[in-house]
Protein backbone atom coordinates (compact mmCIF):
# COMPACT_ATOMS: atom_id res chain seq x y z
CA UNK A 1 -52.90 -52.43 -89.07
CA UNK A 2 -51.39 -55.92 -89.15
CA UNK A 3 -50.55 -57.93 -86.05
CA UNK A 4 -46.76 -57.47 -86.20
CA UNK A 5 -46.83 -53.63 -86.13
CA UNK A 6 -49.38 -53.72 -83.31
CA UNK A 7 -47.14 -56.04 -81.33
CA UNK A 8 -44.15 -53.77 -81.96
CA UNK A 9 -46.11 -50.75 -80.69
CA UNK A 10 -46.95 -52.71 -77.54
CA UNK A 11 -43.25 -53.42 -77.08
CA UNK A 12 -42.57 -49.68 -77.39
CA UNK A 13 -45.12 -48.98 -74.64
CA UNK A 14 -43.42 -51.50 -72.36
CA UNK A 15 -39.99 -50.07 -73.20
CA UNK A 16 -41.18 -46.55 -72.34
CA UNK A 17 -42.44 -47.73 -68.95
CA UNK A 18 -39.13 -49.47 -68.24
CA UNK A 19 -37.20 -46.38 -69.33
CA UNK A 20 -39.27 -44.19 -67.01
CA UNK A 21 -38.77 -46.56 -64.07
CA UNK A 22 -35.00 -46.63 -64.63
CA UNK A 23 -34.79 -42.83 -64.82
CA UNK A 24 -36.86 -42.55 -61.63
CA UNK A 25 -34.52 -44.88 -59.78
CA UNK A 26 -31.23 -43.58 -61.12
CA UNK A 27 -31.94 -39.84 -61.29
CA UNK A 28 -35.04 -39.04 -59.26
CA UNK A 29 -38.57 -37.75 -59.54
CA UNK A 30 -41.02 -35.30 -58.03
CA UNK A 31 -42.51 -37.90 -55.71
CA UNK A 32 -44.55 -41.09 -55.71
CA UNK A 33 -47.57 -39.46 -57.35
CA UNK A 34 -45.44 -38.12 -60.17
CA UNK A 35 -43.86 -41.56 -60.70
CA UNK A 36 -47.30 -43.18 -60.93
CA UNK A 37 -48.51 -40.55 -63.40
CA UNK A 38 -45.30 -40.88 -65.44
CA UNK A 39 -45.68 -44.65 -65.70
CA UNK A 40 -49.25 -44.26 -66.95
CA UNK A 41 -48.08 -41.70 -69.52
CA UNK A 42 -45.21 -43.95 -70.55
CA UNK A 43 -47.56 -46.85 -71.20
CA UNK A 44 -50.02 -44.74 -73.20
CA UNK A 45 -48.04 -42.06 -75.05
CA UNK A 46 -46.21 -44.33 -77.55
CA UNK A 47 -49.61 -45.71 -78.58
CA UNK A 48 -50.99 -42.17 -79.00
CA UNK A 49 -47.94 -41.22 -81.07
CA UNK A 50 -48.44 -44.29 -83.26
CA UNK A 51 -52.13 -43.48 -83.81
CA UNK A 52 -51.20 -39.95 -84.86
CA UNK A 53 -48.46 -41.22 -87.16
CA UNK A 54 -50.83 -43.73 -88.75
CA UNK A 55 -52.92 -40.86 -90.05
CA UNK A 56 -49.88 -39.74 -92.02
CA UNK A 57 -48.67 -43.14 -93.26
CA UNK A 58 -49.74 -46.67 -92.39
CA UNK A 59 -47.55 -49.75 -92.16
CA UNK A 60 -44.38 -49.63 -90.07
CA UNK A 61 -44.15 -45.85 -89.90
CA UNK A 62 -46.33 -45.66 -86.73
CA UNK A 63 -43.99 -48.17 -85.09
CA UNK A 64 -41.00 -46.03 -86.02
CA UNK A 65 -42.69 -42.95 -84.55
CA UNK A 66 -43.49 -44.78 -81.29
CA UNK A 67 -39.92 -46.03 -81.06
CA UNK A 68 -38.66 -42.52 -81.74
CA UNK A 69 -40.68 -41.22 -78.80
CA UNK A 70 -39.11 -43.81 -76.51
CA UNK A 71 -35.58 -43.22 -77.75
CA UNK A 72 -35.50 -39.47 -78.36
CA UNK A 73 -34.71 -38.34 -74.77
CA UNK A 74 -31.81 -40.80 -74.56
CA UNK A 75 -30.57 -40.27 -78.11
CA UNK A 76 -29.83 -36.68 -77.12
CA UNK A 77 -27.25 -37.78 -74.54
CA UNK A 78 -24.34 -38.44 -76.95
CA UNK A 79 -25.06 -35.11 -78.66
CA UNK A 80 -24.11 -32.98 -75.65
CA UNK A 81 -20.61 -32.29 -74.42
CA UNK A 82 -19.79 -33.80 -71.02
CA UNK A 83 -20.09 -30.52 -69.12
CA UNK A 84 -23.69 -29.92 -70.22
CA UNK A 85 -24.71 -33.59 -70.29
CA UNK A 86 -24.93 -33.60 -66.48
CA UNK A 87 -27.31 -30.63 -66.60
CA UNK A 88 -29.47 -32.27 -69.24
CA UNK A 89 -29.68 -35.58 -67.38
CA UNK A 90 -30.48 -34.19 -63.94
CA UNK A 91 -32.42 -31.04 -64.79
CA UNK A 92 -34.29 -31.93 -68.00
CA UNK A 93 -34.56 -35.70 -68.50
CA UNK A 94 -37.01 -36.32 -65.61
CA UNK A 95 -39.32 -33.68 -67.15
CA UNK A 96 -39.06 -35.21 -70.62
CA UNK A 97 -40.31 -38.59 -69.35
CA UNK A 98 -42.94 -37.08 -67.03
CA UNK A 99 -41.25 -37.72 -63.67
CA UNK A 100 -41.32 -34.02 -62.85
CA UNK A 101 -44.51 -32.06 -63.51
CA UNK A 102 -46.18 -34.87 -65.53
CA UNK A 103 -48.96 -32.47 -66.50
CA UNK A 104 -46.49 -30.70 -68.81
CA UNK A 105 -45.84 -33.90 -70.77
CA UNK A 106 -49.53 -34.81 -70.67
CA UNK A 107 -50.43 -31.47 -72.25
CA UNK A 108 -48.42 -32.52 -75.30
CA UNK A 109 -50.92 -35.30 -75.92
CA UNK A 110 -53.38 -32.64 -77.07
CA UNK A 111 -51.25 -32.04 -80.16
CA UNK A 112 -51.01 -35.71 -81.12
CA UNK A 113 -54.74 -36.05 -80.42
CA UNK A 114 -55.35 -33.25 -82.90
CA UNK A 115 -53.04 -34.94 -85.37
CA UNK A 116 -54.95 -38.20 -85.01
CA UNK A 117 -58.56 -37.03 -84.70
CA UNK A 118 -59.13 -33.43 -85.76
CA UNK A 119 -60.36 -32.60 -89.28
CA UNK A 120 -57.28 -31.97 -91.37
CA UNK A 121 -58.26 -28.47 -92.45
CA UNK A 122 -59.10 -27.35 -88.92
CA UNK A 123 -55.88 -28.81 -87.57
CA UNK A 124 -53.88 -26.95 -90.23
CA UNK A 125 -55.67 -23.69 -89.41
CA UNK A 126 -55.08 -24.18 -85.69
CA UNK A 127 -51.37 -24.84 -86.24
CA UNK A 128 -51.03 -21.80 -88.46
CA UNK A 129 -52.85 -19.70 -85.87
CA UNK A 130 -50.61 -21.07 -83.10
CA UNK A 131 -47.50 -20.12 -85.09
CA UNK A 132 -48.76 -16.58 -85.74
CA UNK A 133 -49.72 -16.17 -82.07
CA UNK A 134 -46.26 -17.40 -80.98
CA UNK A 135 -44.59 -14.86 -83.25
CA UNK A 136 -46.75 -12.11 -81.78
CA UNK A 137 -46.24 -13.10 -78.14
CA UNK A 138 -42.67 -14.42 -77.99
CA UNK A 139 -41.13 -13.45 -81.31
CA UNK A 140 -37.82 -14.83 -82.56
CA UNK A 141 -35.44 -12.57 -80.65
CA UNK A 142 -34.23 -15.40 -78.39
CA UNK A 143 -33.80 -18.04 -81.07
CA UNK A 144 -30.16 -17.14 -81.71
CA UNK A 145 -29.50 -17.31 -77.98
CA UNK A 146 -30.53 -20.98 -78.07
CA UNK A 147 -28.79 -21.71 -81.39
CA UNK A 148 -25.47 -19.95 -80.82
CA UNK A 149 -25.27 -19.51 -77.09
CA UNK A 150 -26.84 -22.87 -76.29
CA UNK A 151 -26.74 -25.69 -78.83
CA UNK A 152 -23.57 -24.45 -80.55
CA UNK A 153 -21.69 -24.32 -77.23
CA UNK A 154 -22.98 -27.51 -75.62
CA UNK A 155 -23.41 -29.92 -78.57
CA UNK A 156 -21.09 -31.27 -81.21
CA UNK A 157 -23.13 -30.10 -84.22
CA UNK A 158 -25.70 -27.35 -84.55
CA UNK A 159 -26.32 -28.23 -88.20
CA UNK A 160 -27.40 -31.79 -87.45
CA UNK A 161 -30.21 -30.63 -85.15
CA UNK A 162 -31.42 -28.00 -87.60
CA UNK A 163 -31.39 -30.34 -90.58
CA UNK A 164 -33.16 -33.11 -88.66
CA UNK A 165 -35.98 -30.73 -87.76
CA UNK A 166 -36.22 -29.30 -91.28
CA UNK A 167 -36.10 -32.75 -92.89
CA UNK A 168 -38.81 -34.06 -90.55
CA UNK A 169 -41.02 -31.04 -91.23
CA UNK A 170 -40.52 -31.46 -94.98
CA UNK A 171 -41.32 -35.16 -94.79
CA UNK A 172 -44.60 -34.74 -92.93
CA UNK A 173 -45.72 -31.75 -95.04
CA UNK A 174 -45.05 -33.64 -98.29
CA UNK A 175 -46.84 -36.74 -97.03
CA UNK A 176 -49.87 -34.88 -95.61
CA UNK A 177 -49.75 -31.10 -96.16
CA UNK A 178 -52.54 -30.10 -93.79
CA UNK A 179 -51.42 -32.41 -91.00
CA UNK A 180 -47.84 -31.26 -91.54
CA UNK A 181 -48.73 -27.57 -91.33
CA UNK A 182 -50.73 -28.11 -88.15
CA UNK A 183 -48.06 -30.22 -86.48
CA UNK A 184 -45.21 -27.88 -87.41
CA UNK A 185 -47.15 -24.81 -86.28
CA UNK A 186 -47.88 -26.16 -82.82
CA UNK A 187 -44.29 -27.33 -82.37
CA UNK A 188 -43.06 -23.89 -83.41
CA UNK A 189 -45.24 -22.35 -80.69
CA UNK A 190 -43.75 -24.61 -78.01
CA UNK A 191 -40.23 -23.97 -79.27
CA UNK A 192 -40.58 -20.17 -79.34
CA UNK A 193 -42.04 -20.23 -75.84
CA UNK A 194 -39.14 -22.37 -74.60
CA UNK A 195 -36.54 -19.98 -76.02
CA UNK A 196 -37.48 -17.49 -73.30
CA UNK A 197 -36.32 -19.94 -70.62
CA UNK A 198 -32.65 -20.14 -69.50
CA UNK A 199 -30.71 -22.69 -71.53
CA UNK A 200 -27.79 -23.12 -69.11
CA UNK A 201 -30.01 -24.46 -66.32
CA UNK A 202 -31.90 -26.92 -68.54
CA UNK A 203 -35.13 -24.92 -68.30
CA UNK A 204 -35.30 -24.69 -72.09
CA UNK A 205 -35.47 -28.48 -72.38
CA UNK A 206 -37.92 -28.75 -69.49
CA UNK A 207 -40.35 -26.51 -71.34
CA UNK A 208 -40.02 -28.73 -74.42
CA UNK A 209 -41.42 -31.71 -72.51
CA UNK A 210 -44.85 -30.78 -73.85
CA UNK A 211 -43.45 -31.05 -77.37
CA UNK A 212 -41.99 -34.55 -76.92
CA UNK A 213 -44.89 -36.62 -78.39
CA UNK A 214 -45.37 -34.36 -81.43
CA UNK A 215 -41.60 -34.02 -81.88
CA UNK A 216 -41.38 -37.80 -82.16
CA UNK A 217 -43.88 -37.74 -85.03
CA UNK A 218 -42.01 -34.88 -86.72
CA UNK A 219 -38.50 -36.31 -86.48
CA UNK A 220 -39.63 -39.80 -87.50
CA UNK A 221 -41.14 -38.25 -90.65
CA UNK A 222 -37.64 -38.27 -92.13
CA UNK A 223 -38.66 -41.87 -92.95
CA UNK A 224 -41.19 -40.42 -95.40
CA UNK A 225 -38.44 -38.81 -97.49
CA UNK A 226 -36.97 -42.22 -98.34
CA UNK A 227 -38.36 -43.53 -101.66
CA UNK A 228 -40.25 -46.82 -101.20
CA UNK A 229 -38.46 -49.93 -102.40
CA UNK A 230 -40.04 -51.59 -105.43
CA UNK A 231 -41.82 -54.84 -104.73
CA UNK A 232 -40.10 -57.82 -106.25
CA UNK A 233 -42.26 -60.18 -108.28
CA UNK A 234 -40.97 -63.71 -107.96
CA UNK A 235 -41.06 -65.74 -111.22
CA UNK A 236 -42.55 -68.83 -109.60
CA UNK A 237 -45.57 -66.83 -108.40
CA UNK A 238 -46.31 -65.69 -111.97
CA UNK A 239 -45.98 -69.31 -113.14
CA UNK A 240 -48.39 -70.56 -110.48
CA UNK A 241 -50.86 -67.82 -111.37
CA UNK A 242 -50.86 -68.97 -115.02
CA UNK A 243 -51.38 -72.61 -114.07
CA UNK A 244 -54.45 -71.87 -111.97
CA UNK A 245 -57.75 -72.65 -113.75
């Protein structure tokens, strides 16, 4: 990886730490120990997300994934209607940045670690197994409760959320099928588990804190659906190449 993307990832780590500190001051936390743990996670998690994303596509894509991790909890704020926004901010946001129960967010690093380090075939098999196990244990009976009774009633567009998730899943599966299957399977497990938590109190979003690092990789994979721009060959470079002995 070149110097500029590495520097940008470092900026994302600093931004995540600042974001966590601001949320701790403005909204609250579970205590001094949780704040310390959250700051450590904030400084490390964007880097872990970038390492996982680099296995899918090199270049600036890992930077985009790290930036997505930093911005995703706050990008959700304009999505919610004002009545539910207060619930999301005070009941869910501290969990999503690790200020409440930081172990939940830390557990999500296992998925990005698998994305970055595990053999691709084994990671795909584990994700597929996780999805099958989630269907057996939690099923899909509560999915419509979240879609229609939750997101549809508290956000301005249910379709946008669904299409973002589907587009991200398609992007990562097309770019790296085995990594994409593994990543999508583990995220499906965390989502199906969260659907059994009350949406109105913000418990659904709190349970998704473990999915935040992997969700950043998935949603940023929309980048991979954009066709690469052709490289322009400047005429003077061709001329200089011909003049060289």
